[in-house]
Protein backbone atom coordinates (compact mmCIF):
# COMPACT_ATOMS: atom_id res chain seq x y z
CA MET A 1 115.84 108.51 76.25
CA GLN A 2 112.11 107.98 76.54
CA ALA A 3 109.78 110.74 75.32
CA TYR A 4 105.99 110.88 75.32
CA GLU A 5 103.23 112.96 73.76
CA ILE A 6 100.00 113.54 75.71
CA LYS A 7 97.92 113.05 72.55
CA GLN A 8 99.37 109.56 72.00
CA LEU A 9 98.99 108.63 75.67
CA LEU A 10 95.34 109.71 75.59
CA GLU A 11 94.76 107.53 72.51
CA GLN A 12 96.39 104.53 74.25
CA GLN A 13 94.39 105.09 77.43
CA ALA A 14 91.11 105.42 75.50
CA ALA A 15 91.81 102.17 73.63
CA GLY A 16 92.21 100.27 76.89
CA GLU A 17 89.64 99.12 79.43
CA LYS A 18 91.09 100.99 82.42
CA LEU A 19 91.02 104.53 83.82
CA TYR A 20 94.80 104.47 84.36
CA LEU A 21 97.57 103.91 81.82
CA GLU A 22 101.05 103.42 83.26
CA PHE A 23 103.59 104.47 80.64
CA LEU A 24 106.85 104.68 82.59
CA ARG A 25 108.26 102.41 85.31
CA VAL A 26 111.76 102.45 86.77
CA PRO A 27 112.66 101.55 90.38
CA SER A 28 112.81 105.17 91.55
CA MET A 29 109.49 106.31 90.04
CA SER A 30 106.55 105.52 87.79
CA MET A 31 104.22 107.68 85.72
CA GLY A 32 100.78 107.24 84.29
CA LEU A 33 97.81 108.97 82.74
CA TYR A 34 94.57 108.88 84.73
CA VAL A 35 91.32 109.88 83.01
CA LEU A 36 88.13 110.50 84.99
CA ARG A 37 84.98 111.44 83.10
CA VAL A 38 82.15 113.60 84.45
CA GLY A 39 79.92 111.52 86.70
CA ILE A 40 82.44 108.77 87.45
CA THR A 41 83.35 107.69 90.99
CA ASP A 42 87.12 107.70 91.56
CA PRO A 43 87.88 104.18 92.82
CA GLN A 44 91.40 104.72 94.17
CA THR A 45 92.61 103.78 97.60
CA PRO A 46 95.73 105.03 99.42
CA HIS A 47 99.11 104.12 97.95
CA GLY A 48 102.33 103.24 99.76
CA GLU A 49 104.28 105.77 97.69
CA ASP A 50 104.33 109.57 97.51
CA GLU A 51 102.36 110.84 94.55
CA VAL A 52 102.04 114.02 92.49
CA TYR A 53 99.08 114.83 90.27
CA TYR A 54 99.37 117.31 87.40
CA ILE A 55 96.01 118.25 85.87
CA VAL A 56 96.42 118.33 82.07
CA SER A 57 92.80 119.35 81.50
CA GLY A 58 89.40 119.36 83.16
CA ARG A 59 87.84 120.57 86.40
CA GLY A 60 86.82 118.98 89.65
CA MET A 61 87.80 118.58 93.27
CA ILE A 62 90.31 116.42 95.09
CA HIS A 63 89.88 115.25 98.67
CA VAL A 64 93.16 114.56 100.49
CA ALA A 65 93.50 113.68 104.18
CA GLY A 66 90.26 115.43 105.13
CA GLU A 67 90.71 118.51 102.93
CA ASP A 68 89.02 119.42 99.65
CA CYS A 69 90.76 121.44 96.95
CA PRO A 70 89.54 122.53 93.51
CA VAL A 71 91.65 121.36 90.56
CA GLU A 72 91.80 122.49 86.94
CA GLN A 73 94.26 122.63 84.06
CA GLY A 74 97.70 123.43 85.50
CA SER A 75 96.93 122.36 89.09
CA ILE A 76 99.60 120.31 90.86
CA VAL A 77 98.75 118.30 93.99
CA PHE A 78 101.14 116.36 96.23
CA VAL A 79 99.73 113.38 98.18
CA LYS A 80 101.84 111.74 100.89
CA ALA A 81 102.12 107.97 100.97
CA TYR A 82 99.12 106.34 102.69
CA ASP A 83 96.95 109.51 102.73
CA GLU A 84 93.30 108.89 101.87
CA HIS A 85 92.48 110.71 98.62
CA HIS A 86 90.12 110.76 95.66
CA PHE A 87 88.79 113.08 92.98
CA HIS A 88 85.13 114.11 93.10
CA SER A 89 82.62 116.71 91.84
CA ILE A 90 84.10 116.43 88.33
CA THR A 91 82.50 119.08 86.09
CA GLU A 92 84.83 118.65 83.08
CA ASP A 93 86.56 115.36 82.20
CA LEU A 94 89.88 115.20 84.07
CA GLN A 95 93.09 114.17 82.31
CA ILE A 96 95.76 113.74 84.96
CA LEU A 97 99.46 112.93 84.84
CA VAL A 98 100.41 110.88 87.88
CA PHE A 99 103.96 110.59 89.26
CA PHE A 100 104.79 107.99 91.93
CA ALA A 101 108.08 107.91 93.85
CA PRO A 102 109.27 105.27 94.22
CA ALA A 103 107.39 103.30 91.54
CA GLU A 104 103.74 102.52 92.31
CA TYR A 105 103.23 99.44 94.48
CA SER A 106 106.96 99.06 95.11
CA GLN A 107 106.32 99.79 98.81
CA ALA A 108 103.37 97.39 99.15
CA SER A 109 103.56 95.25 102.23
């Protein structure tokens, strides 16, 4: 079994140099913690895998395939593989759990 605590993941992510901390990777899926602070530009580009975002805390907007949607604590957003998407208009630091299926970059061509 592998078990995780958000508090510890946030500490690990903050200690690193990157916005994204991958903490689980198996062939069928991967998971990570993505932290976007107020005023930051979300640098992501489309992925070759389906993706689910769960907003742990914060407020902002997500743009997916031409649509904007507000997000806040408790929001869940599904993004199909290859859809253009990014977070924007962040008014409270976003802490986001990210689920990829299959594992991120496993479908890269």
